């Protein structure tokens, strides 16, 4: 399931968004001010941000600017009551990818979210990897002949990253950012264990090749 962080100080509206997106299969965390949002971001990794602009402590614009400066490029949609072009222009300059003006049509929000996730290599259909292996990107589970392999969470997250970057090089920094939140210490040894775990699933052991000093080339 794709994980979404919502920054919205209107508790009723935030609850409405949470209920709607949860019903659509998303995992949703809610923050009611910028500081709480930053703390959640420090502790977790997210696939998408939905930010209001006018919120307490750190407004949505400044929060996103700080995230972008820290090289967090998570796709972001602003929900805002602002209608002036200067504010919307500033939102894009600070790194937002899309925006919707309030009152928000939730069906339109869902369409915008899916479009933005797809542009960022996120998928919504079952992915066939081999004759027997399939990956479900919505529940992030790997199946062999229809049976769930019950792989560890970090192995599945790494598999998702590899699938999104097939035919390309996946750097160590990309792996660390995907598997560990900012507050967590990563382990070089764990990365090797997770990669070997995935390699064993494929007959072609060269499906993931080590590019020394850079990362891994994914060709399955």
N, C-alpha and C. Protein backbone atom coordinates (compact mmCIF):
# COMPACT_ATOMS: atom_id res chain seq x y z
N UNK A 1 0.84 -1.20 0.00
CA UNK A 1 0.00 0.00 0.00
C UNK A 1 0.88 1.24 0.00
N UNK A 2 0.50 2.23 -0.78
CA UNK A 2 1.27 3.46 -0.82
C UNK A 2 0.95 4.30 0.41
N UNK A 3 2.00 4.90 0.94
CA UNK A 3 1.90 5.62 2.21
C UNK A 3 1.86 7.13 1.94
N UNK A 4 0.86 7.79 2.53
CA UNK A 4 0.62 9.22 2.28
C UNK A 4 0.69 9.99 3.60
N UNK A 5 1.38 11.12 3.57
CA UNK A 5 1.42 12.02 4.72
C UNK A 5 0.60 13.26 4.40
N UNK A 6 -0.43 13.50 5.22
CA UNK A 6 -1.34 14.63 5.02
C UNK A 6 -1.08 15.67 6.09
N UNK A 7 -0.86 16.92 5.67
CA UNK A 7 -0.72 18.06 6.57
C UNK A 7 -1.96 18.92 6.42
N UNK A 8 -2.81 18.92 7.45
CA UNK A 8 -4.08 19.66 7.39
C UNK A 8 -4.54 19.96 8.81
N UNK A 9 -4.72 21.26 9.12
CA UNK A 9 -5.08 21.63 10.49
C UNK A 9 -6.58 21.61 10.77
N UNK A 10 -7.39 21.46 9.74
CA UNK A 10 -8.83 21.30 9.91
C UNK A 10 -9.09 19.82 10.23
N UNK A 11 -9.36 19.51 11.50
CA UNK A 11 -9.44 18.12 11.93
C UNK A 11 -10.55 17.35 11.21
N UNK A 12 -11.67 17.99 10.98
CA UNK A 12 -12.79 17.31 10.31
C UNK A 12 -12.42 16.98 8.86
N UNK A 13 -11.84 17.96 8.16
CA UNK A 13 -11.44 17.73 6.77
C UNK A 13 -10.33 16.68 6.71
N UNK A 14 -9.39 16.75 7.64
CA UNK A 14 -8.30 15.77 7.68
C UNK A 14 -8.85 14.36 7.88
N UNK A 15 -9.83 14.23 8.76
CA UNK A 15 -10.44 12.93 9.01
C UNK A 15 -11.18 12.41 7.78
N UNK A 16 -11.82 13.34 7.06
CA UNK A 16 -12.53 12.97 5.83
C UNK A 16 -11.55 12.43 4.79
N UNK A 17 -10.42 13.13 4.62
CA UNK A 17 -9.40 12.68 3.67
C UNK A 17 -8.85 11.32 4.09
N UNK A 18 -8.58 11.17 5.39
CA UNK A 18 -8.02 9.91 5.89
C UNK A 18 -8.98 8.75 5.61
N UNK A 19 -10.25 8.94 5.91
CA UNK A 19 -11.24 7.87 5.69
C UNK A 19 -11.34 7.53 4.21
N UNK A 20 -11.39 8.55 3.37
CA UNK A 20 -11.53 8.34 1.92
C UNK A 20 -10.33 7.59 1.36
N UNK A 21 -9.12 8.04 1.68
CA UNK A 21 -7.92 7.41 1.13
C UNK A 21 -7.69 6.02 1.71
N UNK A 22 -8.05 5.83 2.97
CA UNK A 22 -7.93 4.49 3.57
C UNK A 22 -8.83 3.50 2.84
N UNK A 23 -10.04 3.94 2.51
CA UNK A 23 -10.96 3.08 1.75
C UNK A 23 -10.42 2.76 0.37
N UNK A 24 -9.57 3.64 -0.17
CA UNK A 24 -8.98 3.42 -1.50
C UNK A 24 -7.68 2.61 -1.41
N UNK A 25 -7.32 2.18 -0.21
CA UNK A 25 -6.16 1.30 -0.07
C UNK A 25 -4.86 1.97 0.31
N UNK A 26 -4.90 3.25 0.63
CA UNK A 26 -3.68 3.96 1.03
C UNK A 26 -3.49 3.87 2.55
N UNK A 27 -2.23 3.93 2.98
CA UNK A 27 -1.91 4.10 4.39
C UNK A 27 -1.73 5.59 4.62
N UNK A 28 -2.45 6.16 5.58
CA UNK A 28 -2.48 7.61 5.75
C UNK A 28 -2.04 8.01 7.15
N UNK A 29 -1.09 8.94 7.22
CA UNK A 29 -0.73 9.60 8.47
C UNK A 29 -1.17 11.05 8.40
N UNK A 30 -1.69 11.57 9.51
CA UNK A 30 -2.18 12.95 9.55
C UNK A 30 -1.31 13.78 10.49
N UNK A 31 -0.93 14.97 10.04
CA UNK A 31 -0.26 15.96 10.89
C UNK A 31 -1.11 17.22 10.88
N UNK A 32 -1.25 17.86 12.06
CA UNK A 32 -2.10 19.04 12.16
C UNK A 32 -1.30 20.34 12.19
N UNK A 33 0.03 20.24 12.23
CA UNK A 33 0.86 21.43 12.11
C UNK A 33 2.19 21.03 11.47
N UNK A 34 2.97 22.03 11.05
CA UNK A 34 4.20 21.75 10.32
C UNK A 34 5.25 20.99 11.11
N UNK A 35 5.33 21.26 12.40
CA UNK A 35 6.32 20.58 13.23
C UNK A 35 5.98 19.09 13.37
N UNK A 36 4.71 18.80 13.59
CA UNK A 36 4.28 17.41 13.69
C UNK A 36 4.54 16.68 12.37
N UNK A 37 4.30 17.38 11.28
CA UNK A 37 4.54 16.81 9.96
C UNK A 37 6.02 16.47 9.77
N UNK A 38 6.87 17.39 10.19
CA UNK A 38 8.32 17.19 10.07
C UNK A 38 8.77 16.00 10.91
N UNK A 39 8.20 15.86 12.10
CA UNK A 39 8.55 14.74 12.97
C UNK A 39 8.13 13.41 12.36
N UNK A 40 6.94 13.36 11.78
CA UNK A 40 6.48 12.13 11.12
C UNK A 40 7.37 11.80 9.94
N UNK A 41 7.77 12.83 9.21
CA UNK A 41 8.65 12.63 8.07
C UNK A 41 10.01 12.08 8.50
N UNK A 42 10.46 12.50 9.66
CA UNK A 42 11.75 12.06 10.20
C UNK A 42 11.70 10.58 10.59
N UNK A 43 10.53 10.12 10.99
CA UNK A 43 10.38 8.76 11.49
C UNK A 43 9.92 7.76 10.43
N UNK A 44 9.40 8.24 9.30
CA UNK A 44 8.80 7.34 8.29
C UNK A 44 9.18 7.78 6.88
N UNK A 45 9.04 6.85 5.95
CA UNK A 45 9.16 7.17 4.53
C UNK A 45 7.77 7.17 3.90
N UNK A 46 7.54 8.11 3.00
CA UNK A 46 6.23 8.24 2.36
C UNK A 46 6.37 8.24 0.85
N UNK A 47 5.26 7.82 0.19
CA UNK A 47 5.22 7.83 -1.27
C UNK A 47 4.66 9.13 -1.82
N UNK A 48 3.90 9.87 -1.00
CA UNK A 48 3.24 11.08 -1.47
C UNK A 48 2.93 11.98 -0.28
N UNK A 49 3.06 13.30 -0.51
CA UNK A 49 2.66 14.30 0.49
C UNK A 49 1.44 15.05 -0.02
N UNK A 50 0.48 15.32 0.89
CA UNK A 50 -0.64 16.21 0.61
C UNK A 50 -0.61 17.28 1.69
N UNK A 51 -0.26 18.51 1.31
CA UNK A 51 -0.04 19.58 2.29
C UNK A 51 -1.02 20.74 2.10
N UNK A 52 -1.59 21.18 3.21
CA UNK A 52 -2.24 22.49 3.23
C UNK A 52 -1.13 23.53 3.37
N UNK A 53 -1.39 24.77 2.97
CA UNK A 53 -0.37 25.81 3.07
C UNK A 53 -0.46 26.54 4.41
N UNK A 54 -1.64 27.01 4.76
CA UNK A 54 -1.81 27.85 5.94
C UNK A 54 -2.07 26.99 7.18
N UNK A 55 -0.97 26.48 7.78
CA UNK A 55 -1.07 25.63 8.97
C UNK A 55 -0.17 26.20 10.06
N UNK A 56 -0.39 25.83 11.34
CA UNK A 56 0.42 26.39 12.43
C UNK A 56 1.88 25.93 12.40
N UNK A 57 2.72 26.72 13.09
CA UNK A 57 4.12 26.44 13.41
C UNK A 57 5.06 26.53 12.20
N UNK A 58 4.91 25.66 11.23
CA UNK A 58 5.67 25.78 9.97
C UNK A 58 4.66 25.66 8.85
N UNK A 59 4.52 26.71 8.02
CA UNK A 59 3.51 26.60 6.97
C UNK A 59 3.96 25.62 5.89
N UNK A 60 2.99 25.19 5.10
CA UNK A 60 3.26 24.16 4.11
C UNK A 60 4.33 24.53 3.10
N UNK A 61 4.39 25.80 2.71
CA UNK A 61 5.39 26.25 1.73
C UNK A 61 6.80 26.12 2.29
N UNK A 62 7.01 26.61 3.49
CA UNK A 62 8.34 26.56 4.10
C UNK A 62 8.74 25.12 4.42
N UNK A 63 7.77 24.33 4.85
CA UNK A 63 8.05 22.93 5.13
C UNK A 63 8.55 22.21 3.88
N UNK A 64 7.86 22.41 2.78
CA UNK A 64 8.26 21.73 1.54
C UNK A 64 9.62 22.22 1.07
N UNK A 65 9.88 23.53 1.20
CA UNK A 65 11.19 24.06 0.82
C UNK A 65 12.29 23.39 1.62
N UNK A 66 12.08 23.23 2.93
CA UNK A 66 13.08 22.57 3.78
C UNK A 66 13.28 21.11 3.37
N UNK A 67 12.19 20.43 3.03
CA UNK A 67 12.30 19.03 2.59
C UNK A 67 13.07 18.92 1.29
N UNK A 68 12.78 19.82 0.36
CA UNK A 68 13.48 19.78 -0.93
C UNK A 68 14.97 20.10 -0.75
N UNK A 69 15.30 21.01 0.16
CA UNK A 69 16.70 21.32 0.42
C UNK A 69 17.44 20.12 1.01
N UNK A 70 16.71 19.26 1.71
CA UNK A 70 17.32 18.05 2.27
C UNK A 70 17.29 16.89 1.28
N UNK A 71 16.98 17.20 0.01
CA UNK A 71 16.96 16.23 -1.08
C UNK A 71 15.82 15.22 -0.96
N UNK A 72 14.75 15.61 -0.30
CA UNK A 72 13.53 14.82 -0.25
C UNK A 72 12.66 15.25 -1.44
N UNK A 73 12.57 14.37 -2.44
CA UNK A 73 11.84 14.70 -3.67
C UNK A 73 10.49 13.99 -3.76
N UNK A 74 9.95 13.59 -2.61
CA UNK A 74 8.65 12.93 -2.58
C UNK A 74 7.60 13.80 -3.27
N UNK A 75 6.83 13.25 -4.23
CA UNK A 75 5.83 14.06 -4.93
C UNK A 75 4.82 14.68 -3.96
N UNK A 76 4.45 15.93 -4.25
CA UNK A 76 3.65 16.71 -3.29
C UNK A 76 2.50 17.43 -3.98
N UNK A 77 1.33 17.31 -3.38
CA UNK A 77 0.14 18.05 -3.82
C UNK A 77 -0.26 19.03 -2.73
N UNK A 78 -0.46 20.28 -3.10
CA UNK A 78 -0.97 21.27 -2.15
C UNK A 78 -2.49 21.36 -2.27
N UNK A 79 -3.16 21.38 -1.12
CA UNK A 79 -4.58 21.71 -1.05
C UNK A 79 -4.66 23.07 -0.39
N UNK A 80 -5.26 24.03 -1.07
CA UNK A 80 -5.17 25.39 -0.55
C UNK A 80 -6.41 26.22 -0.83
N UNK A 81 -6.65 27.17 0.07
CA UNK A 81 -7.73 28.15 -0.14
C UNK A 81 -7.22 29.37 -0.90
N UNK A 82 -5.89 29.49 -1.02
CA UNK A 82 -5.32 30.63 -1.73
C UNK A 82 -5.70 30.57 -3.21
N UNK A 83 -6.07 31.73 -3.74
CA UNK A 83 -6.43 31.79 -5.15
C UNK A 83 -5.53 32.72 -5.95
N UNK A 84 -4.66 33.48 -5.25
CA UNK A 84 -3.80 34.42 -5.97
C UNK A 84 -2.66 33.67 -6.67
N UNK A 85 -2.30 34.16 -7.83
CA UNK A 85 -1.29 33.49 -8.65
C UNK A 85 0.09 33.52 -8.00
N UNK A 86 0.38 34.57 -7.22
CA UNK A 86 1.70 34.68 -6.59
C UNK A 86 1.95 33.52 -5.62
N UNK A 87 0.93 33.18 -4.81
CA UNK A 87 1.09 32.09 -3.86
C UNK A 87 1.26 30.76 -4.58
N UNK A 88 0.46 30.54 -5.61
CA UNK A 88 0.56 29.29 -6.36
C UNK A 88 1.90 29.21 -7.09
N UNK A 89 2.37 30.33 -7.61
CA UNK A 89 3.68 30.37 -8.25
C UNK A 89 4.78 30.03 -7.25
N UNK A 90 4.65 30.58 -6.05
CA UNK A 90 5.62 30.32 -4.99
C UNK A 90 5.62 28.84 -4.60
N UNK A 91 4.44 28.24 -4.61
CA UNK A 91 4.33 26.81 -4.27
C UNK A 91 5.13 25.96 -5.24
N UNK A 92 5.03 26.27 -6.51
CA UNK A 92 5.78 25.50 -7.51
C UNK A 92 7.28 25.78 -7.40
N UNK A 93 7.63 27.02 -7.12
CA UNK A 93 9.05 27.34 -6.94
C UNK A 93 9.65 26.58 -5.76
N UNK A 94 8.86 26.33 -4.74
CA UNK A 94 9.35 25.63 -3.56
C UNK A 94 9.29 24.11 -3.72
N UNK A 95 8.76 23.64 -4.86
CA UNK A 95 8.88 22.22 -5.17
C UNK A 95 7.62 21.39 -5.22
N UNK A 96 6.44 22.03 -5.22
CA UNK A 96 5.23 21.21 -5.30
C UNK A 96 5.05 20.69 -6.73
N UNK A 97 4.30 19.61 -6.87
CA UNK A 97 4.09 18.99 -8.18
C UNK A 97 2.70 19.26 -8.73
N UNK A 98 1.75 19.54 -7.84
CA UNK A 98 0.38 19.78 -8.27
C UNK A 98 -0.36 20.47 -7.13
N UNK A 99 -1.53 21.03 -7.42
CA UNK A 99 -2.32 21.65 -6.36
C UNK A 99 -3.80 21.56 -6.70
N UNK A 100 -4.62 21.60 -5.67
CA UNK A 100 -6.06 21.68 -5.82
C UNK A 100 -6.56 22.77 -4.90
N UNK A 101 -7.50 23.57 -5.39
CA UNK A 101 -8.09 24.61 -4.57
C UNK A 101 -9.26 24.05 -3.77
N UNK A 102 -9.36 24.51 -2.52
CA UNK A 102 -10.48 24.12 -1.67
C UNK A 102 -11.73 24.89 -2.08
N UNK A 103 -12.93 24.33 -1.94
CA UNK A 103 -13.22 22.97 -1.45
C UNK A 103 -12.77 21.91 -2.46
N UNK A 104 -12.24 20.81 -1.95
CA UNK A 104 -11.62 19.79 -2.78
C UNK A 104 -12.61 18.68 -3.12
N UNK A 105 -12.66 18.31 -4.39
CA UNK A 105 -13.40 17.13 -4.81
C UNK A 105 -12.50 15.92 -4.60
N UNK A 106 -12.87 15.02 -3.71
CA UNK A 106 -11.99 13.90 -3.33
C UNK A 106 -11.73 12.95 -4.49
N UNK A 107 -12.71 12.77 -5.38
CA UNK A 107 -12.48 11.92 -6.54
C UNK A 107 -11.41 12.52 -7.46
N UNK A 108 -11.45 13.85 -7.60
CA UNK A 108 -10.41 14.51 -8.40
C UNK A 108 -9.06 14.39 -7.71
N UNK A 109 -9.04 14.53 -6.39
CA UNK A 109 -7.79 14.36 -5.64
C UNK A 109 -7.20 12.98 -5.90
N UNK A 110 -8.03 11.96 -5.87
CA UNK A 110 -7.55 10.59 -6.11
C UNK A 110 -6.96 10.45 -7.50
N UNK A 111 -7.62 11.03 -8.50
CA UNK A 111 -7.10 10.97 -9.87
C UNK A 111 -5.74 11.68 -9.97
N UNK A 112 -5.62 12.84 -9.33
CA UNK A 112 -4.35 13.58 -9.34
C UNK A 112 -3.25 12.76 -8.64
N UNK A 113 -3.61 12.14 -7.52
CA UNK A 113 -2.64 11.34 -6.78
C UNK A 113 -2.12 10.18 -7.63
N UNK A 114 -3.03 9.46 -8.25
CA UNK A 114 -2.62 8.30 -9.05
C UNK A 114 -1.77 8.72 -10.24
N UNK A 115 -2.14 9.84 -10.88
CA UNK A 115 -1.36 10.33 -12.00
C UNK A 115 0.04 10.71 -11.56
N UNK A 116 0.15 11.37 -10.42
CA UNK A 116 1.45 11.80 -9.92
C UNK A 116 2.29 10.60 -9.50
N UNK A 117 1.68 9.61 -8.86
CA UNK A 117 2.40 8.40 -8.46
C UNK A 117 2.90 7.64 -9.69
N UNK A 118 2.07 7.57 -10.72
CA UNK A 118 2.49 6.87 -11.94
C UNK A 118 3.66 7.57 -12.61
N UNK A 119 3.65 8.90 -12.59
CA UNK A 119 4.78 9.65 -13.16
C UNK A 119 6.06 9.39 -12.37
N UNK A 120 5.90 8.97 -11.12
CA UNK A 120 7.05 8.67 -10.28
C UNK A 120 7.27 7.16 -10.16
N UNK A 121 6.87 6.45 -11.21
CA UNK A 121 7.14 5.01 -11.40
C UNK A 121 6.34 4.11 -10.48
N UNK A 122 5.36 4.65 -9.76
CA UNK A 122 4.52 3.81 -8.93
C UNK A 122 3.45 3.16 -9.81
N UNK A 123 3.14 1.90 -9.53
CA UNK A 123 2.20 1.16 -10.35
C UNK A 123 1.01 0.68 -9.53
N UNK A 124 -0.08 0.35 -10.24
CA UNK A 124 -1.30 -0.07 -9.58
C UNK A 124 -1.79 -1.43 -10.08
N UNK A 125 -1.12 -1.99 -11.07
CA UNK A 125 -1.50 -3.28 -11.62
C UNK A 125 -0.51 -4.35 -11.19
N UNK A 126 -0.95 -5.62 -11.16
CA UNK A 126 -0.07 -6.74 -10.85
C UNK A 126 1.07 -6.80 -11.86
N UNK A 127 2.30 -6.98 -11.37
CA UNK A 127 3.49 -6.99 -12.22
C UNK A 127 4.02 -8.41 -12.34
N UNK A 128 4.11 -8.93 -13.56
CA UNK A 128 4.63 -10.28 -13.78
C UNK A 128 6.14 -10.20 -13.97
N UNK A 129 6.89 -10.86 -13.10
CA UNK A 129 8.35 -10.82 -13.14
C UNK A 129 8.93 -12.01 -13.88
N UNK A 130 8.37 -13.19 -13.65
CA UNK A 130 8.76 -14.41 -14.36
C UNK A 130 7.48 -15.20 -14.62
N UNK A 131 7.62 -16.41 -15.13
CA UNK A 131 6.44 -17.24 -15.38
C UNK A 131 5.70 -17.55 -14.08
N UNK A 132 6.44 -17.53 -12.97
CA UNK A 132 5.82 -17.93 -11.69
C UNK A 132 5.73 -16.80 -10.68
N UNK A 133 6.58 -15.77 -10.83
CA UNK A 133 6.65 -14.70 -9.83
C UNK A 133 5.83 -13.48 -10.25
N UNK A 134 5.01 -12.96 -9.32
CA UNK A 134 4.28 -11.72 -9.56
C UNK A 134 4.40 -10.83 -8.32
N UNK A 135 4.34 -9.52 -8.57
CA UNK A 135 4.42 -8.54 -7.48
C UNK A 135 3.18 -7.68 -7.51
N UNK A 136 2.54 -7.55 -6.35
CA UNK A 136 1.37 -6.67 -6.22
C UNK A 136 1.83 -5.36 -5.60
N UNK A 137 1.86 -4.27 -6.37
CA UNK A 137 2.37 -3.00 -5.85
C UNK A 137 1.46 -2.34 -4.83
N UNK A 138 0.20 -2.75 -4.76
CA UNK A 138 -0.72 -2.11 -3.83
C UNK A 138 -0.54 -2.63 -2.41
N UNK A 139 -0.41 -3.95 -2.28
CA UNK A 139 -0.17 -4.48 -0.93
C UNK A 139 1.30 -4.81 -0.70
N UNK A 140 2.13 -4.56 -1.76
CA UNK A 140 3.58 -4.78 -1.69
C UNK A 140 3.89 -6.20 -1.21
N UNK A 141 3.32 -7.16 -1.94
CA UNK A 141 3.56 -8.57 -1.64
C UNK A 141 4.04 -9.28 -2.91
N UNK A 142 4.91 -10.28 -2.71
CA UNK A 142 5.46 -11.06 -3.82
C UNK A 142 4.86 -12.47 -3.76
N UNK A 143 4.41 -12.95 -4.93
CA UNK A 143 3.75 -14.25 -5.00
C UNK A 143 4.48 -15.17 -5.97
N UNK A 144 4.50 -16.46 -5.64
CA UNK A 144 5.02 -17.48 -6.55
C UNK A 144 3.90 -18.49 -6.78
N UNK A 145 3.49 -18.58 -8.06
CA UNK A 145 2.35 -19.43 -8.42
C UNK A 145 1.13 -19.11 -7.56
N UNK A 146 0.95 -17.81 -7.29
CA UNK A 146 -0.21 -17.35 -6.56
C UNK A 146 -0.11 -17.44 -5.05
N UNK A 147 0.99 -18.00 -4.55
CA UNK A 147 1.18 -18.14 -3.11
C UNK A 147 2.07 -17.03 -2.58
N UNK A 148 1.61 -16.36 -1.52
CA UNK A 148 2.39 -15.29 -0.90
C UNK A 148 3.66 -15.88 -0.30
N UNK A 149 4.82 -15.30 -0.68
CA UNK A 149 6.10 -15.79 -0.17
C UNK A 149 6.41 -15.27 1.24
N UNK A 150 5.59 -14.33 1.72
CA UNK A 150 5.76 -13.79 3.08
C UNK A 150 7.19 -13.31 3.34
N UNK A 151 7.70 -12.51 2.43
CA UNK A 151 9.06 -11.98 2.56
C UNK A 151 9.09 -10.85 3.58
N UNK A 152 10.25 -10.62 4.20
CA UNK A 152 10.38 -9.50 5.14
C UNK A 152 10.05 -8.16 4.47
N UNK A 153 9.57 -7.21 5.26
CA UNK A 153 9.13 -5.92 4.74
C UNK A 153 10.23 -5.22 3.94
N UNK A 154 11.45 -5.19 4.47
CA UNK A 154 12.51 -4.46 3.79
C UNK A 154 12.92 -5.14 2.48
N UNK A 155 12.81 -6.46 2.40
CA UNK A 155 13.07 -7.16 1.14
C UNK A 155 12.02 -6.74 0.11
N UNK A 156 10.78 -6.65 0.53
CA UNK A 156 9.70 -6.24 -0.37
C UNK A 156 9.86 -4.78 -0.81
N UNK A 157 10.29 -3.91 0.11
CA UNK A 157 10.51 -2.50 -0.25
C UNK A 157 11.65 -2.39 -1.26
N UNK A 158 12.70 -3.19 -1.07
CA UNK A 158 13.81 -3.19 -2.02
C UNK A 158 13.37 -3.74 -3.37
N UNK A 159 12.56 -4.78 -3.34
CA UNK A 159 12.02 -5.33 -4.59
C UNK A 159 11.22 -4.26 -5.34
N UNK A 160 10.41 -3.52 -4.62
CA UNK A 160 9.63 -2.44 -5.24
C UNK A 160 10.55 -1.41 -5.89
N UNK A 161 11.61 -1.03 -5.19
CA UNK A 161 12.56 -0.07 -5.74
C UNK A 161 13.21 -0.62 -7.00
N UNK A 162 13.60 -1.88 -6.98
CA UNK A 162 14.23 -2.49 -8.15
C UNK A 162 13.26 -2.56 -9.33
N UNK A 163 12.00 -2.91 -9.05
CA UNK A 163 11.00 -2.98 -10.11
C UNK A 163 10.79 -1.61 -10.76
N UNK A 164 10.76 -0.57 -9.93
CA UNK A 164 10.55 0.79 -10.45
C UNK A 164 11.72 1.27 -11.29
N UNK A 165 12.87 0.62 -11.13
CA UNK A 165 14.08 1.09 -11.83
C UNK A 165 14.72 -0.01 -12.68
N UNK A 166 13.89 -0.90 -13.21
CA UNK A 166 14.41 -1.97 -14.06
C UNK A 166 15.10 -1.38 -15.28
N UNK A 167 16.28 -1.94 -15.59
CA UNK A 167 17.05 -1.45 -16.72
C UNK A 167 17.91 -0.25 -16.39
N UNK A 168 17.86 0.20 -15.13
CA UNK A 168 18.62 1.36 -14.70
C UNK A 168 19.52 0.99 -13.52
N UNK A 169 20.32 1.95 -13.09
CA UNK A 169 21.19 1.73 -11.93
C UNK A 169 20.50 2.26 -10.68
N UNK A 170 20.46 1.43 -9.66
CA UNK A 170 19.93 1.83 -8.35
C UNK A 170 21.12 2.09 -7.44
N UNK A 171 21.27 3.32 -6.98
CA UNK A 171 22.42 3.67 -6.14
C UNK A 171 22.19 3.25 -4.69
N UNK A 172 23.29 3.19 -3.95
CA UNK A 172 23.18 2.86 -2.54
C UNK A 172 22.34 3.91 -1.81
N UNK A 173 22.51 5.17 -2.19
CA UNK A 173 21.73 6.23 -1.54
C UNK A 173 20.22 6.03 -1.76
N UNK A 174 19.85 5.57 -2.96
CA UNK A 174 18.44 5.31 -3.25
C UNK A 174 17.91 4.18 -2.36
N UNK A 175 18.74 3.16 -2.15
CA UNK A 175 18.34 2.03 -1.31
C UNK A 175 18.17 2.48 0.14
N UNK A 176 19.12 3.26 0.63
CA UNK A 176 19.06 3.74 2.01
C UNK A 176 17.81 4.60 2.23
N UNK A 177 17.55 5.51 1.28
CA UNK A 177 16.38 6.39 1.40
C UNK A 177 15.08 5.60 1.37
N UNK A 178 15.05 4.51 0.61
CA UNK A 178 13.84 3.69 0.50
C UNK A 178 13.60 2.84 1.73
N UNK A 179 14.68 2.25 2.27
CA UNK A 179 14.53 1.24 3.32
C UNK A 179 14.58 1.80 4.74
N UNK A 180 15.22 2.96 4.90
CA UNK A 180 15.38 3.49 6.26
C UNK A 180 14.89 4.93 6.35
N UNK A 181 14.15 5.24 7.38
CA UNK A 181 13.75 6.62 7.65
C UNK A 181 14.96 7.41 8.13
N UNK A 182 14.85 8.73 8.12
CA UNK A 182 15.95 9.60 8.51
C UNK A 182 16.44 9.29 9.91
N UNK A 183 15.53 8.89 10.79
CA UNK A 183 15.88 8.64 12.19
C UNK A 183 16.55 7.30 12.41
N UNK A 184 16.62 6.46 11.37
CA UNK A 184 17.14 5.11 11.53
C UNK A 184 18.57 4.99 10.98
N UNK A 185 19.35 4.14 11.61
CA UNK A 185 20.69 3.83 11.12
C UNK A 185 20.59 2.69 10.12
N UNK A 186 21.25 2.86 8.97
CA UNK A 186 21.23 1.79 7.97
C UNK A 186 22.40 0.84 8.18
N UNK A 187 22.31 -0.33 7.55
CA UNK A 187 23.33 -1.35 7.70
C UNK A 187 23.79 -1.84 6.32
N UNK A 188 25.08 -1.71 6.03
CA UNK A 188 25.64 -2.20 4.76
C UNK A 188 25.41 -3.71 4.64
N UNK A 189 25.62 -4.42 5.75
CA UNK A 189 25.44 -5.86 5.73
C UNK A 189 24.02 -6.25 5.41
N UNK A 190 23.06 -5.51 5.97
CA UNK A 190 21.66 -5.79 5.70
C UNK A 190 21.32 -5.60 4.23
N UNK A 191 21.87 -4.57 3.62
CA UNK A 191 21.63 -4.33 2.19
C UNK A 191 22.06 -5.54 1.38
N UNK A 192 23.25 -6.08 1.67
CA UNK A 192 23.74 -7.24 0.93
C UNK A 192 22.83 -8.46 1.15
N UNK A 193 22.37 -8.64 2.40
CA UNK A 193 21.48 -9.76 2.70
C UNK A 193 20.18 -9.64 1.91
N UNK A 194 19.59 -8.44 1.88
CA UNK A 194 18.32 -8.23 1.17
C UNK A 194 18.50 -8.47 -0.33
N UNK A 195 19.60 -7.99 -0.89
CA UNK A 195 19.85 -8.17 -2.32
C UNK A 195 20.03 -9.64 -2.66
N UNK A 196 20.79 -10.37 -1.85
CA UNK A 196 20.99 -11.80 -2.08
C UNK A 196 19.67 -12.56 -1.97
N UNK A 197 18.81 -12.11 -1.06
CA UNK A 197 17.50 -12.73 -0.90
C UNK A 197 16.71 -12.61 -2.21
N UNK A 198 16.77 -11.43 -2.81
CA UNK A 198 16.04 -11.21 -4.07
C UNK A 198 16.67 -11.99 -5.22
N UNK A 199 18.00 -12.02 -5.27
CA UNK A 199 18.69 -12.75 -6.34
C UNK A 199 18.27 -14.22 -6.37
N UNK A 200 18.09 -14.81 -5.20
CA UNK A 200 17.75 -16.23 -5.11
C UNK A 200 16.38 -16.54 -5.71
N UNK A 201 15.57 -15.52 -5.91
CA UNK A 201 14.25 -15.73 -6.48
C UNK A 201 14.29 -15.90 -8.00
N UNK A 202 15.42 -15.53 -8.61
CA UNK A 202 15.53 -15.55 -10.06
C UNK A 202 16.56 -16.59 -10.51
N UNK A 203 16.24 -17.29 -11.61
CA UNK A 203 17.18 -18.28 -12.17
C UNK A 203 18.44 -17.59 -12.65
N UNK A 204 18.29 -16.42 -13.25
CA UNK A 204 19.44 -15.65 -13.72
C UNK A 204 20.04 -14.88 -12.56
N UNK A 205 21.15 -15.37 -12.04
CA UNK A 205 21.77 -14.75 -10.87
C UNK A 205 22.41 -13.40 -11.20
N UNK A 206 22.53 -13.09 -12.51
CA UNK A 206 23.07 -11.79 -12.92
C UNK A 206 21.97 -10.77 -13.13
N UNK A 207 20.75 -11.08 -12.68
CA UNK A 207 19.63 -10.16 -12.86
C UNK A 207 19.84 -8.86 -12.08
N UNK A 208 20.66 -8.96 -11.03
CA UNK A 208 21.05 -7.77 -10.26
C UNK A 208 22.58 -7.79 -10.18
N UNK A 209 23.22 -6.88 -10.88
CA UNK A 209 24.68 -6.86 -10.91
C UNK A 209 25.23 -5.67 -10.15
N UNK A 210 26.35 -5.90 -9.48
CA UNK A 210 26.98 -4.86 -8.66
C UNK A 210 27.82 -3.95 -9.55
N UNK A 211 27.55 -2.65 -9.51
CA UNK A 211 28.36 -1.65 -10.20
C UNK A 211 29.23 -1.01 -9.13
N UNK A 212 30.48 -1.42 -9.06
CA UNK A 212 31.35 -1.05 -7.94
C UNK A 212 31.41 0.47 -7.72
N UNK A 213 31.17 0.85 -6.47
CA UNK A 213 31.25 2.25 -6.10
C UNK A 213 30.04 3.08 -6.47
N UNK A 214 29.08 2.46 -7.17
CA UNK A 214 27.90 3.22 -7.62
C UNK A 214 26.61 2.62 -7.06
N UNK A 215 26.39 1.33 -7.33
CA UNK A 215 25.15 0.71 -6.89
C UNK A 215 24.92 -0.60 -7.59
N UNK A 216 23.69 -0.80 -8.08
CA UNK A 216 23.32 -2.07 -8.69
C UNK A 216 22.54 -1.83 -9.97
N UNK A 217 22.81 -2.64 -10.99
CA UNK A 217 22.05 -2.60 -12.25
C UNK A 217 21.00 -3.69 -12.19
N UNK A 218 19.76 -3.31 -12.43
CA UNK A 218 18.62 -4.23 -12.30
C UNK A 218 18.15 -4.63 -13.69
N UNK A 219 18.16 -5.93 -13.97
CA UNK A 219 17.80 -6.40 -15.32
C UNK A 219 16.93 -7.64 -15.24
N UNK A 220 15.88 -7.60 -14.43
CA UNK A 220 14.94 -8.73 -14.45
C UNK A 220 13.59 -8.25 -14.94
